[in-house]
Amino acid sequence: MRIRFYHRRRGGNGPLKVARGAYPNPLYDAFLQAGAQAGQVVSDDLNGRKCDGVARLDATKSTSRRCSAVVAFLKPAMSRKNLVLRTGAEARRMLIEGSRAAGIVYVHKGVSRTSRATGEGILTGGISQSAVPFWSFGV
């Protein structure tokens, strides 16, 4: 399988590699043909200007391995002094000063902790109840 890195409109020099789906499989062509017969637009890029229809899907991968945001961005940044990653933590309360989120109160391994942002902060969540902290903080 040959991976072709795809960057016509989105660039190709960043750390997150996007490759055109190139694995040879007769089902791809049958899928595209069936979509066209059903009235769908056959697109060469579902992430482009027209994002409806059927197409071969792009994949985030470098060589033959998946290239996720963790691999492309987080792992290279983990050695920074201004980055702290807490997994398994549960956000309890956002600290709001004026119109700015200045920090967060969270529980990690049964201990309540406070983290204040001196510059920027990023609060992220997993797939389960990830929006709950934002709703409960009025964001």
C-alpha atoms as a PDB file:
ATOM      1  CA  MET A   1       0.000   0.000   0.000  1.00  0.00           C
ATOM      2  CA  ARG A   2       1.405   3.365  -1.001  1.00  0.00           C
ATOM      3  CA  ILE A   3       0.424   6.332   1.158  1.00  0.00           C
ATOM      4  CA  ARG A   4       0.070   9.650  -0.621  1.00  0.00           C
ATOM      5  CA  PHE A   5       0.066  12.687   1.623  1.00  0.00           C
ATOM      6  CA  TYR A   6      -2.756  14.950   0.658  1.00  0.00           C
ATOM      7  CA  HIS A   7      -2.387  18.687   0.977  1.00  0.00           C
ATOM      8  CA  ARG A   8      -4.079  20.410  -1.926  1.00  0.00           C
ATOM      9  CA  ARG A   9      -5.948  22.924   0.275  1.00  0.00           C
ATOM     10  CA  ARG A  10      -4.811  22.150   3.786  1.00  0.00           C
ATOM     11  CA  GLY A  11      -1.040  22.163   3.539  1.00  0.00           C
ATOM     12  CA  GLY A  12       1.241  19.214   4.068  1.00  0.00           C
ATOM     13  CA  ASN A  13       4.097  20.405   6.234  1.00  0.00           C
ATOM     14  CA  GLY A  14       2.448  20.307   9.667  1.00  0.00           C
ATOM     15  CA  PRO A  15       2.874  17.583  12.256  1.00  0.00           C
ATOM     16  CA  LEU A  16      -0.551  15.964  11.658  1.00  0.00           C
ATOM     17  CA  LYS A  17      -0.252  13.968   8.442  1.00  0.00           C
ATOM     18  CA  VAL A  18      -3.330  13.357   6.307  1.00  0.00           C
ATOM     19  CA  ALA A  19      -3.227  10.684   3.622  1.00  0.00           C
ATOM     20  CA  ARG A  20      -5.676   9.976   0.844  1.00  0.00           C
ATOM     21  CA  GLY A  21      -7.395   6.610   1.210  1.00  0.00           C
ATOM     22  CA  ALA A  22      -5.420   4.597  -1.297  1.00  0.00           C
ATOM     23  CA  TYR A  23      -5.799   0.984  -0.219  1.00  0.00           C
ATOM     24  CA  PRO A  24      -6.866  -0.939  -3.338  1.00  0.00           C
ATOM     25  CA  ASN A  25     -10.225  -2.549  -2.728  1.00  0.00           C
ATOM     26  CA  PRO A  26     -12.955  -3.214  -5.298  1.00  0.00           C
ATOM     27  CA  LEU A  27     -15.552  -2.323  -2.661  1.00  0.00           C
ATOM     28  CA  TYR A  28     -14.416   1.324  -2.772  1.00  0.00           C
ATOM     29  CA  ASP A  29     -15.387   1.628  -6.420  1.00  0.00           C
ATOM     30  CA  ALA A  30     -18.640  -0.292  -5.851  1.00  0.00           C
ATOM     31  CA  PHE A  31     -19.485   2.033  -2.932  1.00  0.00           C
ATOM     32  CA  LEU A  32     -18.832   5.160  -5.015  1.00  0.00           C
ATOM     33  CA  GLN A  33     -20.848   3.780  -7.928  1.00  0.00           C
ATOM     34  CA  ALA A  34     -23.771   2.845  -5.651  1.00  0.00           C
ATOM     35  CA  GLY A  35     -23.706   6.320  -4.113  1.00  0.00           C
ATOM     36  CA  ALA A  36     -23.805   7.932  -7.543  1.00  0.00           C
ATOM     37  CA  GLN A  37     -26.706   5.685  -8.613  1.00  0.00           C
ATOM     38  CA  ALA A  38     -28.573   6.746  -5.460  1.00  0.00           C
ATOM     39  CA  GLY A  39     -28.168  10.396  -6.420  1.00  0.00           C
ATOM     40  CA  GLN A  40     -25.237  11.271  -4.187  1.00  0.00           C
ATOM     41  CA  VAL A  41     -22.429  13.497  -5.394  1.00  0.00           C
ATOM     42  CA  VAL A  42     -19.139  11.634  -5.726  1.00  0.00           C
ATOM     43  CA  SER A  43     -16.642  13.942  -4.063  1.00  0.00           C
ATOM     44  CA  ASP A  44     -12.875  13.915  -4.229  1.00  0.00           C
ATOM     45  CA  ASP A  45     -12.716  15.614  -0.822  1.00  0.00           C
ATOM     46  CA  LEU A  46     -15.407  15.426   1.878  1.00  0.00           C
ATOM     47  CA  ASN A  47     -13.379  17.877   3.980  1.00  0.00           C
ATOM     48  CA  GLY A  48     -13.415  20.529   1.268  1.00  0.00           C
ATOM     49  CA  ARG A  49     -15.912  23.151   0.206  1.00  0.00           C
ATOM     50  CA  LYS A  50     -18.641  20.621  -0.569  1.00  0.00           C
ATOM     51  CA  CYS A  51     -18.769  18.208   2.325  1.00  0.00           C
ATOM     52  CA  ASP A  52     -21.721  16.097   1.293  1.00  0.00           C
ATOM     53  CA  GLY A  53     -21.786  13.039  -0.892  1.00  0.00           C
ATOM     54  CA  VAL A  54     -19.660   9.905  -1.019  1.00  0.00           C
ATOM     55  CA  ALA A  55     -15.891   9.628  -1.320  1.00  0.00           C
ATOM     56  CA  ARG A  56     -12.814   7.699  -0.389  1.00  0.00           C
ATOM     57  CA  LEU A  57     -12.046   8.875   3.116  1.00  0.00           C
ATOM     58  CA  ASP A  58      -8.858  10.589   4.149  1.00  0.00           C
ATOM     59  CA  ALA A  59      -6.944   9.162   7.088  1.00  0.00           C
ATOM     60  CA  THR A  60      -4.607  10.752   9.583  1.00  0.00           C
ATOM     61  CA  LYS A  61      -1.528   8.612   9.281  1.00  0.00           C
ATOM     62  CA  SER A  62       2.191   8.854   8.864  1.00  0.00           C
ATOM     63  CA  THR A  63       3.732   6.012   6.874  1.00  0.00           C
ATOM     64  CA  SER A  64       1.557   3.054   7.854  1.00  0.00           C
ATOM     65  CA  ARG A  65       0.777   4.212  11.414  1.00  0.00           C
ATOM     66  CA  ARG A  66      -2.109   6.332  12.642  1.00  0.00           C
ATOM     67  CA  CYS A  67      -1.022   9.899  13.272  1.00  0.00           C
ATOM     68  CA  SER A  68      -3.298  11.233  16.006  1.00  0.00           C
ATOM     69  CA  ALA A  69      -3.322  14.653  17.656  1.00  0.00           C
ATOM     70  CA  VAL A  70      -1.548  13.012  20.608  1.00  0.00           C
ATOM     71  CA  VAL A  71       1.289  11.778  18.395  1.00  0.00           C
ATOM     72  CA  ALA A  72       1.491  14.975  16.328  1.00  0.00           C
ATOM     73  CA  PHE A  73       1.082  17.644  19.017  1.00  0.00           C
ATOM     74  CA  LEU A  74       0.855  16.421  22.619  1.00  0.00           C
ATOM     75  CA  LYS A  75       3.775  13.983  22.882  1.00  0.00           C
ATOM     76  CA  PRO A  76       6.280  16.465  21.394  1.00  0.00           C
ATOM     77  CA  ALA A  77       5.063  19.132  23.871  1.00  0.00           C
ATOM     78  CA  MET A  78       5.111  16.972  27.021  1.00  0.00           C
ATOM     79  CA  SER A  79       8.609  18.142  27.988  1.00  0.00           C
ATOM     80  CA  ARG A  80       7.494  21.777  28.256  1.00  0.00           C
ATOM     81  CA  LYS A  81       7.576  23.274  31.741  1.00  0.00           C
ATOM     82  CA  ASN A  82       4.298  25.112  31.149  1.00  0.00           C
ATOM     83  CA  LEU A  83       2.304  21.970  30.316  1.00  0.00           C
ATOM     84  CA  VAL A  84       0.612  19.746  32.880  1.00  0.00           C
ATOM     85  CA  LEU A  85      -1.542  16.823  31.804  1.00  0.00           C
ATOM     86  CA  ARG A  86      -3.907  15.278  34.343  1.00  0.00           C
ATOM     87  CA  THR A  87      -5.827  12.208  33.245  1.00  0.00           C
ATOM     88  CA  GLY A  88      -8.628  10.813  35.370  1.00  0.00           C
ATOM     89  CA  ALA A  89      -9.369  14.230  36.875  1.00  0.00           C
ATOM     90  CA  GLU A  90     -12.894  15.562  37.328  1.00  0.00           C
ATOM     91  CA  ALA A  91     -13.537  19.287  36.951  1.00  0.00           C
ATOM     92  CA  ARG A  92     -15.665  20.729  39.763  1.00  0.00           C
ATOM     93  CA  ARG A  93     -15.659  24.480  39.270  1.00  0.00           C
ATOM     94  CA  MET A  94     -14.225  27.079  36.930  1.00  0.00           C
ATOM     95  CA  LEU A  95     -12.611  30.122  38.504  1.00  0.00           C
ATOM     96  CA  ILE A  96     -13.981  33.126  36.610  1.00  0.00           C
ATOM     97  CA  GLU A  97     -12.441  36.581  37.015  1.00  0.00           C
ATOM     98  CA  GLY A  98     -14.382  39.182  35.076  1.00  0.00           C
ATOM     99  CA  SER A  99     -14.966  37.635  31.666  1.00  0.00           C
ATOM    100  CA  ARG A 100     -11.885  35.392  31.852  1.00  0.00           C
ATOM    101  CA  ALA A 101     -11.551  31.795  33.000  1.00  0.00           C
ATOM    102  CA  ALA A 102      -8.633  32.139  35.429  1.00  0.00           C
ATOM    103  CA  GLY A 103      -8.402  28.573  36.666  1.00  0.00           C
ATOM    104  CA  ILE A 104     -10.195  25.426  37.675  1.00  0.00           C
ATOM    105  CA  VAL A 105     -10.948  23.409  40.779  1.00  0.00           C
ATOM    106  CA  TYR A 106     -10.746  19.687  40.102  1.00  0.00           C
ATOM    107  CA  VAL A 107     -10.500  16.354  41.910  1.00  0.00           C
ATOM    108  CA  HIS A 108      -7.621  14.033  41.067  1.00  0.00           C
ATOM    109  CA  LYS A 109      -7.107  10.727  42.892  1.00  0.00           C
ATOM    110  CA  GLY A 110      -9.561  11.796  45.584  1.00  0.00           C
ATOM    111  CA  VAL A 111      -7.803  15.094  46.338  1.00  0.00           C
ATOM    112  CA  SER A 112      -9.344  18.484  45.530  1.00  0.00           C
ATOM    113  CA  ARG A 113      -6.855  20.696  43.706  1.00  0.00           C
ATOM    114  CA  THR A 114      -6.829  24.170  42.192  1.00  0.00           C
ATOM    115  CA  SER A 115      -4.962  25.117  39.058  1.00  0.00           C
ATOM    116  CA  ARG A 116      -4.657  28.750  38.006  1.00  0.00           C
ATOM    117  CA  ALA A 117      -3.766  29.887  34.510  1.00  0.00           C
ATOM    118  CA  THR A 118      -1.058  32.529  34.247  1.00  0.00           C
ATOM    119  CA  GLY A 119      -1.434  32.672  30.479  1.00  0.00           C
ATOM    120  CA  GLU A 120      -3.615  30.235  28.606  1.00  0.00           C
ATOM    121  CA  GLY A 121      -5.421  27.144  29.790  1.00  0.00           C
ATOM    122  CA  ILE A 122      -7.122  24.291  28.012  1.00  0.00           C
ATOM    123  CA  LEU A 123      -9.879  22.217  29.573  1.00  0.00           C
ATOM    124  CA  THR A 124     -10.628  19.109  27.552  1.00  0.00           C
ATOM    125  CA  GLY A 125     -12.807  16.091  28.073  1.00  0.00           C
ATOM    126  CA  GLY A 126     -13.257  12.557  26.926  1.00  0.00           C
ATOM    127  CA  ILE A 127     -16.220  11.094  25.128  1.00  0.00           C
ATOM    128  CA  SER A 128     -18.325  10.544  28.238  1.00  0.00           C
ATOM    129  CA  GLN A 129     -20.013  13.630  29.713  1.00  0.00           C
ATOM    130  CA  SER A 130     -17.282  15.925  28.353  1.00  0.00           C
ATOM    131  CA  ALA A 131     -19.625  18.913  28.044  1.00  0.00           C
ATOM    132  CA  VAL A 132     -20.975  18.655  31.606  1.00  0.00           C
ATOM    133  CA  PRO A 133     -18.282  20.906  33.177  1.00  0.00           C
ATOM    134  CA  PHE A 134     -19.026  23.620  30.641  1.00  0.00           C
ATOM    135  CA  TRP A 135     -22.777  23.438  31.192  1.00  0.00           C
ATOM    136  CA  SER A 136     -22.439  23.508  34.963  1.00  0.00           C
ATOM    137  CA  PHE A 137     -20.063  26.482  34.765  1.00  0.00           C
ATOM    138  CA  GLY A 138     -22.372  28.416  32.477  1.00  0.00           C
ATOM    139  CA  VAL A 139     -20.043  28.275  29.468  1.00  0.00           C
END
